[in-house]
């Protein structure tokens, strides 16, 4: 009877030892595999060209624009602003605006070696963020209770600036510079054909 009890006692101890060893091996294996494993990232991009259009665009003026944008969000309850719930952001955006024409000029002979060029209305040809430093998030902060407030979408702020009517203001502001550039462009173009050609530009 004593021998049987001792046998089972030894067997219980053996299972305890095996369990501890198995747990230790499992933990070591997990740590080894975690250290040896490499984290992989897979990115898939699909591109589709939706539209192709032939254009007759001529750029007469490039402008480099730098804008400072400030935005604030805050939480309201019953139409009243919650104190210390404000989130604010300050961005510096740099982009280039191109101004010119999108339709062809009309060329008419006005005499011997003389031509009149009618230039259509100037338009905003395109906008593009600065390649070197498109924007800087100069400051982004929140008050102590700002966790209740919606985050400021800085990407949307930049997109909205591209949609703004301010580009048309630039178009009006620099109209004389655009006209001067157009004169130089077409006079140089026709002078290259013949130095005797006289060019008169008319702006619609």
N, C-alpha and C. Protein backbone atom coordinates (compact mmCIF):
# COMPACT_ATOMS: atom_id res chain seq x y z
N UNK A 1 0.83 -1.20 0.00
CA UNK A 1 0.00 0.00 0.00
C UNK A 1 0.87 1.26 0.00
N UNK A 2 1.91 1.26 0.76
CA UNK A 2 2.84 2.39 0.84
C UNK A 2 3.51 2.62 -0.51
N UNK A 3 3.85 1.53 -1.16
CA UNK A 3 4.54 1.63 -2.45
C UNK A 3 3.60 2.24 -3.49
N UNK A 4 2.34 1.87 -3.44
CA UNK A 4 1.37 2.40 -4.41
C UNK A 4 1.18 3.90 -4.20
N UNK A 5 1.02 4.31 -2.90
CA UNK A 5 0.86 5.74 -2.62
C UNK A 5 2.09 6.53 -3.07
N UNK A 6 3.29 5.96 -2.86
CA UNK A 6 4.51 6.64 -3.25
C UNK A 6 4.60 6.77 -4.78
N UNK A 7 4.13 5.74 -5.46
CA UNK A 7 4.16 5.76 -6.93
C UNK A 7 3.29 6.90 -7.47
N UNK A 8 2.07 6.99 -6.93
CA UNK A 8 1.17 8.05 -7.39
C UNK A 8 1.67 9.44 -7.00
N UNK A 9 2.32 9.51 -5.81
CA UNK A 9 2.87 10.79 -5.39
C UNK A 9 3.97 11.25 -6.35
N UNK A 10 4.82 10.29 -6.73
CA UNK A 10 5.90 10.60 -7.68
C UNK A 10 5.31 10.99 -9.03
N UNK A 11 4.24 10.32 -9.45
CA UNK A 11 3.60 10.59 -10.73
C UNK A 11 3.02 12.00 -10.77
N UNK A 12 2.42 12.42 -9.61
CA UNK A 12 1.87 13.77 -9.53
C UNK A 12 2.98 14.79 -9.65
N UNK A 13 4.08 14.57 -8.92
CA UNK A 13 5.22 15.47 -9.02
C UNK A 13 5.75 15.55 -10.45
N UNK A 14 5.79 14.43 -11.10
CA UNK A 14 6.30 14.36 -12.47
C UNK A 14 5.43 15.20 -13.41
N UNK A 15 4.12 15.11 -13.25
CA UNK A 15 3.22 15.91 -14.08
C UNK A 15 3.40 17.40 -13.82
N UNK A 16 3.61 17.76 -12.55
CA UNK A 16 3.84 19.18 -12.22
C UNK A 16 5.10 19.69 -12.92
N UNK A 17 6.18 18.88 -12.82
CA UNK A 17 7.45 19.26 -13.45
C UNK A 17 7.29 19.39 -14.96
N UNK A 18 6.60 18.40 -15.57
CA UNK A 18 6.40 18.43 -17.02
C UNK A 18 5.56 19.64 -17.44
N UNK A 19 4.56 19.96 -16.62
CA UNK A 19 3.72 21.12 -16.94
C UNK A 19 4.52 22.41 -16.91
N UNK A 20 5.38 22.55 -15.87
CA UNK A 20 6.21 23.75 -15.75
C UNK A 20 7.19 23.84 -16.91
N UNK A 21 7.80 22.68 -17.25
CA UNK A 21 8.73 22.67 -18.37
C UNK A 21 8.04 23.02 -19.68
N UNK A 22 6.85 22.50 -19.89
CA UNK A 22 6.11 22.78 -21.12
C UNK A 22 5.75 24.26 -21.21
N UNK A 23 5.32 24.82 -20.07
CA UNK A 23 4.98 26.25 -20.07
C UNK A 23 6.22 27.10 -20.36
N UNK A 24 7.35 26.72 -19.77
CA UNK A 24 8.59 27.46 -20.01
C UNK A 24 9.02 27.38 -21.47
N UNK A 25 8.93 26.16 -22.04
CA UNK A 25 9.29 26.00 -23.45
C UNK A 25 8.36 26.80 -24.36
N UNK A 26 7.08 26.82 -24.01
CA UNK A 26 6.12 27.57 -24.82
C UNK A 26 6.42 29.06 -24.78
N UNK A 27 6.75 29.58 -23.59
CA UNK A 27 7.06 31.00 -23.48
C UNK A 27 8.35 31.33 -24.22
N UNK A 28 9.34 30.47 -24.13
CA UNK A 28 10.60 30.70 -24.84
C UNK A 28 10.38 30.68 -26.34
N UNK A 29 9.58 29.71 -26.81
CA UNK A 29 9.31 29.61 -28.24
C UNK A 29 8.57 30.82 -28.77
N UNK A 30 7.60 31.31 -27.98
CA UNK A 30 6.86 32.49 -28.40
C UNK A 30 7.77 33.71 -28.49
N UNK A 31 8.63 33.87 -27.48
CA UNK A 31 9.56 35.00 -27.48
C UNK A 31 10.54 34.91 -28.63
N UNK A 32 11.01 33.72 -28.92
CA UNK A 32 11.98 33.53 -30.02
C UNK A 32 11.34 33.87 -31.36
N UNK A 33 10.13 33.34 -31.54
CA UNK A 33 9.44 33.58 -32.81
C UNK A 33 9.07 35.05 -32.97
N UNK A 34 8.70 35.69 -31.85
CA UNK A 34 8.34 37.10 -31.93
C UNK A 34 9.55 37.95 -32.29
N UNK A 35 10.71 37.59 -31.73
CA UNK A 35 11.92 38.34 -32.04
C UNK A 35 12.41 38.08 -33.44
N UNK A 36 12.22 36.86 -33.92
CA UNK A 36 12.73 36.50 -35.25
C UNK A 36 11.79 36.93 -36.35
N UNK A 37 10.51 37.09 -36.03
CA UNK A 37 9.53 37.42 -37.07
C UNK A 37 9.72 38.86 -37.54
N UNK A 38 9.54 39.08 -38.82
CA UNK A 38 9.62 40.40 -39.40
C UNK A 38 8.21 40.89 -39.70
N UNK A 39 7.95 42.13 -39.33
CA UNK A 39 6.64 42.70 -39.59
C UNK A 39 6.59 43.20 -41.03
N UNK A 40 5.66 42.68 -41.79
CA UNK A 40 5.54 43.02 -43.19
C UNK A 40 4.32 43.90 -43.42
N UNK A 41 4.47 44.87 -44.31
CA UNK A 41 3.36 45.73 -44.68
C UNK A 41 3.13 45.59 -46.18
N UNK A 42 1.92 45.41 -46.55
CA UNK A 42 1.59 45.25 -47.97
C UNK A 42 0.61 46.36 -48.38
N UNK A 43 0.99 47.09 -49.41
CA UNK A 43 0.17 48.18 -49.92
C UNK A 43 -0.14 47.90 -51.39
N UNK A 44 -1.40 48.01 -51.73
CA UNK A 44 -1.82 47.78 -53.10
C UNK A 44 -2.51 49.03 -53.62
N UNK A 45 -2.03 49.54 -54.75
CA UNK A 45 -2.58 50.75 -55.35
C UNK A 45 -3.07 50.43 -56.75
N UNK A 46 -4.29 50.80 -57.02
CA UNK A 46 -4.87 50.61 -58.35
C UNK A 46 -5.09 51.98 -58.99
N UNK A 47 -4.65 52.13 -60.22
CA UNK A 47 -4.75 53.40 -60.93
C UNK A 47 -5.59 53.23 -62.18
N UNK A 48 -6.48 54.16 -62.38
CA UNK A 48 -7.33 54.13 -63.58
C UNK A 48 -7.43 55.54 -64.15
N UNK A 49 -7.15 55.71 -65.42
CA UNK A 49 -7.29 57.00 -66.09
C UNK A 49 -8.73 57.12 -66.55
N UNK A 50 -9.44 58.08 -66.00
CA UNK A 50 -10.87 58.22 -66.26
C UNK A 50 -11.18 59.16 -67.41
N UNK A 51 -10.24 60.07 -67.71
CA UNK A 51 -10.59 61.07 -68.72
C UNK A 51 -9.31 61.58 -69.38
N UNK A 52 -9.34 61.73 -70.70
CA UNK A 52 -8.25 62.32 -71.46
C UNK A 52 -8.83 63.45 -72.31
N UNK A 53 -8.19 64.61 -72.24
CA UNK A 53 -8.71 65.77 -72.98
C UNK A 53 -7.56 66.52 -73.62
N UNK A 54 -7.70 66.82 -74.90
CA UNK A 54 -6.73 67.65 -75.58
C UNK A 54 -7.02 69.11 -75.26
N UNK A 55 -5.98 69.85 -74.88
CA UNK A 55 -6.17 71.23 -74.48
C UNK A 55 -5.20 72.13 -75.24
N UNK A 56 -5.55 73.40 -75.29
CA UNK A 56 -4.69 74.41 -75.90
C UNK A 56 -4.40 75.46 -74.84
N UNK A 57 -3.72 75.04 -73.79
CA UNK A 57 -3.45 75.91 -72.66
C UNK A 57 -2.08 76.57 -72.81
N UNK A 58 -2.03 77.84 -72.46
CA UNK A 58 -0.77 78.58 -72.44
C UNK A 58 -0.70 79.30 -71.09
N UNK A 59 0.38 79.08 -70.37
CA UNK A 59 0.57 79.72 -69.06
C UNK A 59 1.41 80.98 -69.25
N UNK A 60 0.89 82.10 -68.78
CA UNK A 60 1.60 83.37 -68.89
C UNK A 60 2.20 83.82 -67.57
N UNK A 61 1.68 83.29 -66.45
CA UNK A 61 2.18 83.77 -65.16
C UNK A 61 2.10 82.66 -64.12
N UNK A 62 3.19 82.47 -63.39
CA UNK A 62 3.24 81.55 -62.25
C UNK A 62 3.35 82.37 -60.97
N UNK A 63 2.62 81.99 -59.96
CA UNK A 63 2.71 82.68 -58.68
C UNK A 63 2.95 81.66 -57.57
N UNK A 64 3.83 82.00 -56.65
CA UNK A 64 4.07 81.17 -55.47
C UNK A 64 3.32 81.80 -54.31
N UNK A 65 2.41 81.04 -53.73
CA UNK A 65 1.52 81.56 -52.69
C UNK A 65 1.82 80.86 -51.36
N UNK A 66 1.88 81.64 -50.31
CA UNK A 66 2.00 81.08 -48.96
C UNK A 66 0.86 81.62 -48.11
N UNK A 67 0.11 80.70 -47.51
CA UNK A 67 -1.06 81.09 -46.73
C UNK A 67 -0.95 80.54 -45.32
N UNK A 68 -1.44 81.32 -44.38
CA UNK A 68 -1.54 80.89 -42.98
C UNK A 68 -3.01 80.64 -42.68
N UNK A 69 -3.32 79.42 -42.30
CA UNK A 69 -4.70 79.02 -42.04
C UNK A 69 -4.85 78.70 -40.55
N UNK A 70 -5.83 79.30 -39.92
CA UNK A 70 -6.14 78.98 -38.53
C UNK A 70 -7.55 78.40 -38.47
N UNK A 71 -7.71 77.38 -37.66
CA UNK A 71 -9.02 76.73 -37.52
C UNK A 71 -9.26 76.38 -36.07
N UNK A 72 -10.53 76.42 -35.67
CA UNK A 72 -10.91 76.08 -34.30
C UNK A 72 -12.18 75.25 -34.31
N UNK A 73 -12.20 74.24 -33.48
CA UNK A 73 -13.40 73.46 -33.22
C UNK A 73 -13.69 73.50 -31.72
N UNK A 74 -14.96 73.46 -31.37
CA UNK A 74 -15.32 73.40 -29.94
C UNK A 74 -16.68 72.73 -29.81
N UNK A 75 -16.96 72.27 -28.62
CA UNK A 75 -18.21 71.59 -28.32
C UNK A 75 -19.24 72.58 -27.77
N UNK A 76 -20.48 72.41 -28.20
CA UNK A 76 -21.56 73.25 -27.68
C UNK A 76 -22.64 72.39 -27.04
N UNK A 77 -23.25 72.91 -26.03
CA UNK A 77 -24.40 72.29 -25.38
C UNK A 77 -25.51 73.32 -25.29
N UNK A 78 -26.66 73.00 -25.89
CA UNK A 78 -27.79 73.93 -25.94
C UNK A 78 -27.39 75.27 -26.54
N UNK A 79 -26.53 75.20 -27.57
CA UNK A 79 -26.12 76.41 -28.27
C UNK A 79 -25.03 77.20 -27.60
N UNK A 80 -24.55 76.75 -26.45
CA UNK A 80 -23.52 77.46 -25.71
C UNK A 80 -22.20 76.69 -25.77
N UNK A 81 -21.12 77.42 -25.97
CA UNK A 81 -19.80 76.79 -26.04
C UNK A 81 -19.39 76.24 -24.67
N UNK A 82 -18.91 75.00 -24.68
CA UNK A 82 -18.42 74.38 -23.45
C UNK A 82 -17.03 74.95 -23.15
N UNK A 83 -16.83 75.52 -21.96
CA UNK A 83 -15.51 76.09 -21.64
C UNK A 83 -14.41 75.04 -21.71
N UNK A 84 -13.25 75.47 -22.19
CA UNK A 84 -12.04 74.64 -22.26
C UNK A 84 -12.23 73.41 -23.16
N UNK A 85 -13.13 73.51 -24.16
CA UNK A 85 -13.33 72.38 -25.08
C UNK A 85 -12.76 72.67 -26.46
N UNK A 86 -12.02 73.72 -26.59
CA UNK A 86 -11.55 74.16 -27.91
C UNK A 86 -10.33 73.37 -28.39
N UNK A 87 -10.36 73.03 -29.69
CA UNK A 87 -9.19 72.49 -30.38
C UNK A 87 -8.81 73.48 -31.48
N UNK A 88 -7.53 73.73 -31.63
CA UNK A 88 -7.08 74.71 -32.62
C UNK A 88 -5.93 74.14 -33.44
N UNK A 89 -5.80 74.67 -34.65
CA UNK A 89 -4.70 74.27 -35.54
C UNK A 89 -4.26 75.47 -36.36
N UNK A 90 -2.98 75.56 -36.61
CA UNK A 90 -2.41 76.61 -37.44
C UNK A 90 -1.53 75.97 -38.49
N UNK A 91 -1.87 76.19 -39.75
CA UNK A 91 -1.13 75.59 -40.86
C UNK A 91 -0.53 76.67 -41.74
N UNK A 92 0.62 76.37 -42.29
CA UNK A 92 1.23 77.22 -43.31
C UNK A 92 1.25 76.40 -44.60
N UNK A 93 0.50 76.86 -45.59
CA UNK A 93 0.35 76.13 -46.86
C UNK A 93 1.08 76.89 -47.96
N UNK A 94 1.85 76.15 -48.76
CA UNK A 94 2.56 76.74 -49.89
C UNK A 94 2.12 76.04 -51.17
N UNK A 95 1.72 76.84 -52.15
CA UNK A 95 1.31 76.25 -53.42
C UNK A 95 1.62 77.20 -54.56
N UNK A 96 1.50 76.69 -55.78
CA UNK A 96 1.74 77.49 -56.97
C UNK A 96 0.46 77.58 -57.78
N UNK A 97 0.18 78.77 -58.27
CA UNK A 97 -0.99 78.99 -59.12
C UNK A 97 -0.51 79.45 -60.50
N UNK A 98 -1.14 78.88 -61.53
CA UNK A 98 -0.77 79.20 -62.91
C UNK A 98 -1.94 79.90 -63.59
N UNK A 99 -1.64 81.02 -64.29
CA UNK A 99 -2.68 81.79 -64.95
C UNK A 99 -2.36 81.93 -66.43
N UNK A 100 -3.39 81.82 -67.27
CA UNK A 100 -3.18 81.93 -68.70
C UNK A 100 -4.49 81.76 -69.44
N UNK A 101 -4.44 81.08 -70.58
CA UNK A 101 -5.64 80.87 -71.40
C UNK A 101 -5.83 79.37 -71.64
N UNK A 102 -7.09 78.98 -71.80
CA UNK A 102 -7.43 77.58 -72.04
C UNK A 102 -8.02 77.34 -73.43
N UNK A 103 -8.16 78.39 -74.19
CA UNK A 103 -8.68 78.25 -75.55
C UNK A 103 -7.76 79.03 -76.51
N UNK A 104 -7.75 78.68 -77.79
CA UNK A 104 -6.79 79.29 -78.71
C UNK A 104 -7.08 80.76 -78.99
N UNK A 105 -6.03 81.47 -79.34
CA UNK A 105 -6.17 82.87 -79.74
C UNK A 105 -6.71 82.94 -81.17
N UNK A 106 -7.22 84.10 -81.53
CA UNK A 106 -7.71 84.33 -82.89
C UNK A 106 -6.73 85.28 -83.59
N UNK A 107 -6.19 84.86 -84.72
CA UNK A 107 -5.19 85.64 -85.44
C UNK A 107 -5.79 86.15 -86.74
N UNK A 108 -5.70 87.48 -86.96
CA UNK A 108 -6.24 88.10 -88.17
C UNK A 108 -5.19 89.02 -88.77
N UNK A 109 -5.14 89.02 -90.08
CA UNK A 109 -4.22 89.93 -90.77
C UNK A 109 -4.79 91.35 -90.74
N UNK A 110 -3.98 92.32 -90.37
CA UNK A 110 -4.41 93.72 -90.31
C UNK A 110 -3.62 94.59 -91.27
N UNK A 111 -2.92 93.97 -92.21
CA UNK A 111 -2.11 94.71 -93.18
C UNK A 111 -0.90 93.89 -93.56
N UNK A 112 -0.02 94.51 -94.35
CA UNK A 112 1.18 93.79 -94.78
C UNK A 112 2.12 93.59 -93.58
N UNK A 113 2.46 92.32 -93.33
CA UNK A 113 3.33 91.96 -92.20
C UNK A 113 2.78 92.47 -90.86
N UNK A 114 1.48 92.56 -90.77
CA UNK A 114 0.85 93.05 -89.55
C UNK A 114 -0.31 92.13 -89.17
N UNK A 115 -0.36 91.77 -87.91
CA UNK A 115 -1.40 90.83 -87.45
C UNK A 115 -1.99 91.32 -86.13
N UNK A 116 -3.27 91.02 -86.00
CA UNK A 116 -3.96 91.32 -84.76
C UNK A 116 -4.31 90.00 -84.08
N UNK A 117 -3.91 89.87 -82.83
CA UNK A 117 -4.14 88.64 -82.06
C UNK A 117 -5.13 88.95 -80.96
N UNK A 118 -6.25 88.24 -81.00
CA UNK A 118 -7.27 88.41 -79.97
C UNK A 118 -7.10 87.29 -78.94
N UNK A 119 -6.82 87.69 -77.71
CA UNK A 119 -6.55 86.74 -76.63
C UNK A 119 -7.82 86.54 -75.81
N UNK A 120 -8.25 85.30 -75.61
CA UNK A 120 -9.46 85.06 -74.82
C UNK A 120 -9.25 85.39 -73.34
N UNK A 121 -10.31 85.29 -72.58
CA UNK A 121 -10.26 85.62 -71.15
C UNK A 121 -9.21 84.77 -70.43
N UNK A 122 -8.50 85.42 -69.53
CA UNK A 122 -7.53 84.69 -68.70
C UNK A 122 -8.27 83.83 -67.69
N UNK A 123 -7.66 82.70 -67.36
CA UNK A 123 -8.25 81.77 -66.41
C UNK A 123 -7.17 81.20 -65.50
N UNK A 124 -7.63 80.57 -64.43
CA UNK A 124 -6.72 79.81 -63.56
C UNK A 124 -6.44 78.48 -64.26
N UNK A 125 -5.20 78.27 -64.68
CA UNK A 125 -4.84 77.05 -65.41
C UNK A 125 -4.71 75.86 -64.46
N UNK A 126 -4.07 76.08 -63.33
CA UNK A 126 -3.89 74.96 -62.41
C UNK A 126 -3.29 75.41 -61.09
N UNK A 127 -3.47 74.56 -60.09
CA UNK A 127 -2.92 74.77 -58.76
C UNK A 127 -2.15 73.53 -58.36
N UNK A 128 -1.03 73.72 -57.67
CA UNK A 128 -0.23 72.58 -57.24
C UNK A 128 0.49 72.92 -55.95
N UNK A 129 0.47 71.98 -55.01
CA UNK A 129 1.21 72.18 -53.76
C UNK A 129 2.70 72.24 -54.03
N UNK A 130 3.40 73.01 -53.24
CA UNK A 130 4.85 73.13 -53.37
C UNK A 130 5.49 71.76 -53.19
N UNK A 131 6.40 71.42 -54.09
CA UNK A 131 7.02 70.09 -54.04
C UNK A 131 7.97 69.94 -52.87
N UNK A 132 8.64 70.99 -52.47
CA UNK A 132 9.63 70.91 -51.40
C UNK A 132 8.97 70.83 -50.03
N UNK A 133 8.04 71.73 -49.79
CA UNK A 133 7.41 71.81 -48.46
C UNK A 133 5.97 72.27 -48.64
N UNK A 134 5.06 71.35 -48.95
CA UNK A 134 3.68 71.75 -49.28
C UNK A 134 2.94 72.41 -48.13
N UNK A 135 3.13 71.91 -46.92
CA UNK A 135 2.46 72.54 -45.78
C UNK A 135 3.18 72.18 -44.49
N UNK A 136 2.97 73.02 -43.50
CA UNK A 136 3.55 72.81 -42.17
C UNK A 136 2.43 72.95 -41.15
N UNK A 137 2.27 71.95 -40.31
CA UNK A 137 1.34 72.08 -39.17
C UNK A 137 2.12 72.78 -38.06
N UNK A 138 2.00 74.10 -38.04
CA UNK A 138 2.80 74.90 -37.12
C UNK A 138 2.38 74.68 -35.68
N UNK A 139 1.09 74.50 -35.47
CA UNK A 139 0.61 74.30 -34.10
C UNK A 139 -0.71 73.53 -34.15
N UNK A 140 -0.86 72.58 -33.25
CA UNK A 140 -2.11 71.84 -33.12
C UNK A 140 -2.27 71.49 -31.65
N UNK A 141 -3.26 72.08 -31.02
CA UNK A 141 -3.40 71.92 -29.58
C UNK A 141 -4.87 71.85 -29.19
N UNK A 142 -5.10 71.51 -27.92
CA UNK A 142 -6.46 71.42 -27.40
C UNK A 142 -6.50 71.74 -25.92
N UNK A 143 -7.64 72.27 -25.48
CA UNK A 143 -7.82 72.58 -24.07
C UNK A 143 -8.08 71.31 -23.27
N UNK A 144 -8.24 71.47 -21.98
CA UNK A 144 -8.31 70.32 -21.06
C UNK A 144 -9.55 69.45 -21.32
N UNK A 145 -10.62 70.05 -21.83
CA UNK A 145 -11.84 69.29 -22.11
C UNK A 145 -12.05 69.06 -23.61
N UNK A 146 -10.99 69.19 -24.38
CA UNK A 146 -11.13 69.10 -25.83
C UNK A 146 -11.34 67.67 -26.33
N UNK A 147 -11.24 66.67 -25.44
CA UNK A 147 -11.48 65.29 -25.86
C UNK A 147 -12.92 65.11 -26.34
N UNK A 148 -13.80 66.03 -25.98
CA UNK A 148 -15.21 65.95 -26.41
C UNK A 148 -15.42 66.60 -27.77
N UNK A 149 -14.37 67.22 -28.31
CA UNK A 149 -14.48 68.01 -29.55
C UNK A 149 -13.94 67.24 -30.74
N UNK A 150 -14.58 67.44 -31.88
CA UNK A 150 -14.17 66.77 -33.11
C UNK A 150 -12.78 67.24 -33.53
N UNK A 151 -11.98 66.29 -34.06
CA UNK A 151 -10.65 66.62 -34.53
C UNK A 151 -10.72 67.54 -35.74
N UNK A 152 -9.72 68.40 -35.89
CA UNK A 152 -9.64 69.30 -37.04
C UNK A 152 -9.05 68.55 -38.22
N UNK A 153 -9.77 68.52 -39.34
CA UNK A 153 -9.34 67.83 -40.55
C UNK A 153 -8.44 68.77 -41.34
N UNK A 154 -7.13 68.66 -41.13
CA UNK A 154 -6.19 69.55 -41.81
C UNK A 154 -6.17 69.31 -43.32
N UNK A 155 -6.37 68.06 -43.73
CA UNK A 155 -6.41 67.76 -45.16
C UNK A 155 -7.57 68.47 -45.85
N UNK A 156 -8.71 68.52 -45.18
CA UNK A 156 -9.87 69.20 -45.75
C UNK A 156 -9.65 70.70 -45.81
N UNK A 157 -8.94 71.24 -44.85
CA UNK A 157 -8.63 72.67 -44.88
C UNK A 157 -7.84 73.03 -46.13
N UNK A 158 -6.86 72.20 -46.47
CA UNK A 158 -6.04 72.46 -47.65
C UNK A 158 -6.88 72.32 -48.92
N UNK A 159 -7.73 71.30 -48.97
CA UNK A 159 -8.60 71.10 -50.13
C UNK A 159 -9.53 72.28 -50.33
N UNK A 160 -10.08 72.80 -49.24
CA UNK A 160 -10.99 73.94 -49.33
C UNK A 160 -10.30 75.19 -49.86
N UNK A 161 -9.02 75.34 -49.53
CA UNK A 161 -8.29 76.49 -50.03
C UNK A 161 -8.14 76.44 -51.54
N UNK A 162 -7.99 75.24 -52.10
CA UNK A 162 -7.88 75.10 -53.54
C UNK A 162 -9.20 75.41 -54.23
N UNK A 163 -10.31 75.23 -53.51
CA UNK A 163 -11.63 75.49 -54.08
C UNK A 163 -12.07 76.94 -53.89
N UNK A 164 -11.32 77.70 -53.13
CA UNK A 164 -11.76 79.05 -52.79
C UNK A 164 -11.71 79.97 -54.00
N UNK A 165 -12.49 81.05 -53.90
CA UNK A 165 -12.55 82.03 -55.00
C UNK A 165 -11.38 82.99 -54.98
N UNK A 166 -10.45 82.80 -54.06
CA UNK A 166 -9.33 83.73 -53.95
C UNK A 166 -8.46 83.72 -55.19
N UNK A 167 -8.42 82.57 -55.89
CA UNK A 167 -7.61 82.49 -57.10
C UNK A 167 -8.11 83.50 -58.14
N UNK A 168 -9.43 83.70 -58.20
CA UNK A 168 -9.98 84.70 -59.12
C UNK A 168 -9.56 86.12 -58.72
N UNK A 169 -9.40 86.34 -57.43
CA UNK A 169 -8.90 87.64 -56.98
C UNK A 169 -7.46 87.86 -57.45
N UNK A 170 -6.66 86.80 -57.38
CA UNK A 170 -5.29 86.89 -57.89
C UNK A 170 -5.31 87.20 -59.38
N UNK A 171 -6.24 86.59 -60.09
CA UNK A 171 -6.36 86.78 -61.53
C UNK A 171 -6.61 88.25 -61.86
N UNK A 172 -7.47 88.89 -61.08
CA UNK A 172 -7.75 90.31 -61.28
C UNK A 172 -6.58 91.18 -60.84
N UNK A 173 -5.98 90.80 -59.73
CA UNK A 173 -4.88 91.59 -59.16
C UNK A 173 -3.68 91.65 -60.09
N UNK A 174 -3.38 90.53 -60.75
CA UNK A 174 -2.18 90.46 -61.59
C UNK A 174 -2.50 90.47 -63.08
N UNK A 175 -3.66 91.03 -63.44
CA UNK A 175 -4.07 91.03 -64.84
C UNK A 175 -3.06 91.75 -65.74
N UNK A 176 -2.55 92.87 -65.29
CA UNK A 176 -1.59 93.62 -66.10
C UNK A 176 -0.31 92.82 -66.32
N UNK A 177 0.12 92.12 -65.30
CA UNK A 177 1.33 91.30 -65.44
C UNK A 177 1.08 90.16 -66.43
N UNK A 178 -0.11 89.57 -66.40
CA UNK A 178 -0.43 88.48 -67.33
C UNK A 178 -0.48 89.01 -68.75
N UNK A 179 -1.07 90.20 -68.94
CA UNK A 179 -1.13 90.79 -70.27
C UNK A 179 0.26 91.08 -70.81
N UNK A 180 1.12 91.63 -69.97
CA UNK A 180 2.49 91.93 -70.39
C UNK A 180 3.23 90.66 -70.79
N UNK A 181 3.03 89.60 -70.02
CA UNK A 181 3.65 88.32 -70.35
C UNK A 181 3.13 87.79 -71.68
N UNK A 182 1.82 87.93 -71.93
CA UNK A 182 1.24 87.47 -73.19
C UNK A 182 1.80 88.26 -74.36
N UNK A 183 1.95 89.58 -74.21
CA UNK A 183 2.53 90.39 -75.28
C UNK A 183 3.93 89.93 -75.63
N UNK A 184 4.75 89.73 -74.60
CA UNK A 184 6.13 89.28 -74.84
C UNK A 184 6.16 87.92 -75.52
N UNK A 185 5.24 87.05 -75.11
CA UNK A 185 5.21 85.68 -75.66
C UNK A 185 4.90 85.70 -77.16
N UNK A 186 3.83 86.39 -77.56
CA UNK A 186 3.42 86.35 -78.97
C UNK A 186 4.32 87.23 -79.86
N UNK A 187 4.83 88.33 -79.32
CA UNK A 187 5.77 89.14 -80.10
C UNK A 187 7.05 88.36 -80.37
N UNK A 188 7.55 87.65 -79.36
CA UNK A 188 8.76 86.84 -79.56
C UNK A 188 8.49 85.71 -80.54
N UNK A 189 7.28 85.13 -80.47
CA UNK A 189 6.93 84.03 -81.35
C UNK A 189 6.89 84.47 -82.81
N UNK A 190 6.28 85.62 -83.08
CA UNK A 190 6.18 86.09 -84.46
C UNK A 190 7.49 86.70 -84.95
N UNK A 191 8.25 87.31 -84.05
CA UNK A 191 9.55 87.85 -84.45
C UNK A 191 10.50 86.74 -84.85
N UNK A 192 10.32 85.56 -84.28
CA UNK A 192 11.15 84.42 -84.65
C UNK A 192 10.87 83.98 -86.08
N UNK A 193 9.65 84.23 -86.55
CA UNK A 193 9.30 83.91 -87.94
C UNK A 193 9.89 84.95 -88.88
N UNK A 194 9.68 86.21 -88.52
CA UNK A 194 10.23 87.31 -89.32
C UNK A 194 10.34 88.55 -88.43
N UNK A 195 11.49 89.20 -88.41
CA UNK A 195 11.65 90.40 -87.57
C UNK A 195 10.81 91.58 -88.04
N UNK A 196 10.27 91.51 -89.25
CA UNK A 196 9.48 92.62 -89.79
C UNK A 196 8.01 92.55 -89.42
N UNK A 197 7.58 91.46 -88.83
CA UNK A 197 6.18 91.29 -88.49
C UNK A 197 5.81 92.19 -87.32
N UNK A 198 4.68 92.88 -87.47
CA UNK A 198 4.15 93.71 -86.41
C UNK A 198 2.93 93.01 -85.79
N UNK A 199 2.89 92.97 -84.45
CA UNK A 199 1.83 92.25 -83.74
C UNK A 199 1.09 93.21 -82.84
N UNK A 200 -0.24 93.16 -82.91
CA UNK A 200 -1.11 93.92 -82.02
C UNK A 200 -1.98 92.94 -81.24
N UNK A 201 -1.95 93.05 -79.92
CA UNK A 201 -2.73 92.15 -79.08
C UNK A 201 -3.98 92.85 -78.56
N UNK A 202 -5.10 92.13 -78.65
CA UNK A 202 -6.36 92.59 -78.13
C UNK A 202 -6.83 91.58 -77.10
N UNK A 203 -7.18 92.06 -75.89
CA UNK A 203 -7.59 91.17 -74.81
C UNK A 203 -9.10 91.25 -74.64
N UNK A 204 -9.73 90.09 -74.66
CA UNK A 204 -11.18 90.05 -74.47
C UNK A 204 -11.54 90.34 -73.01
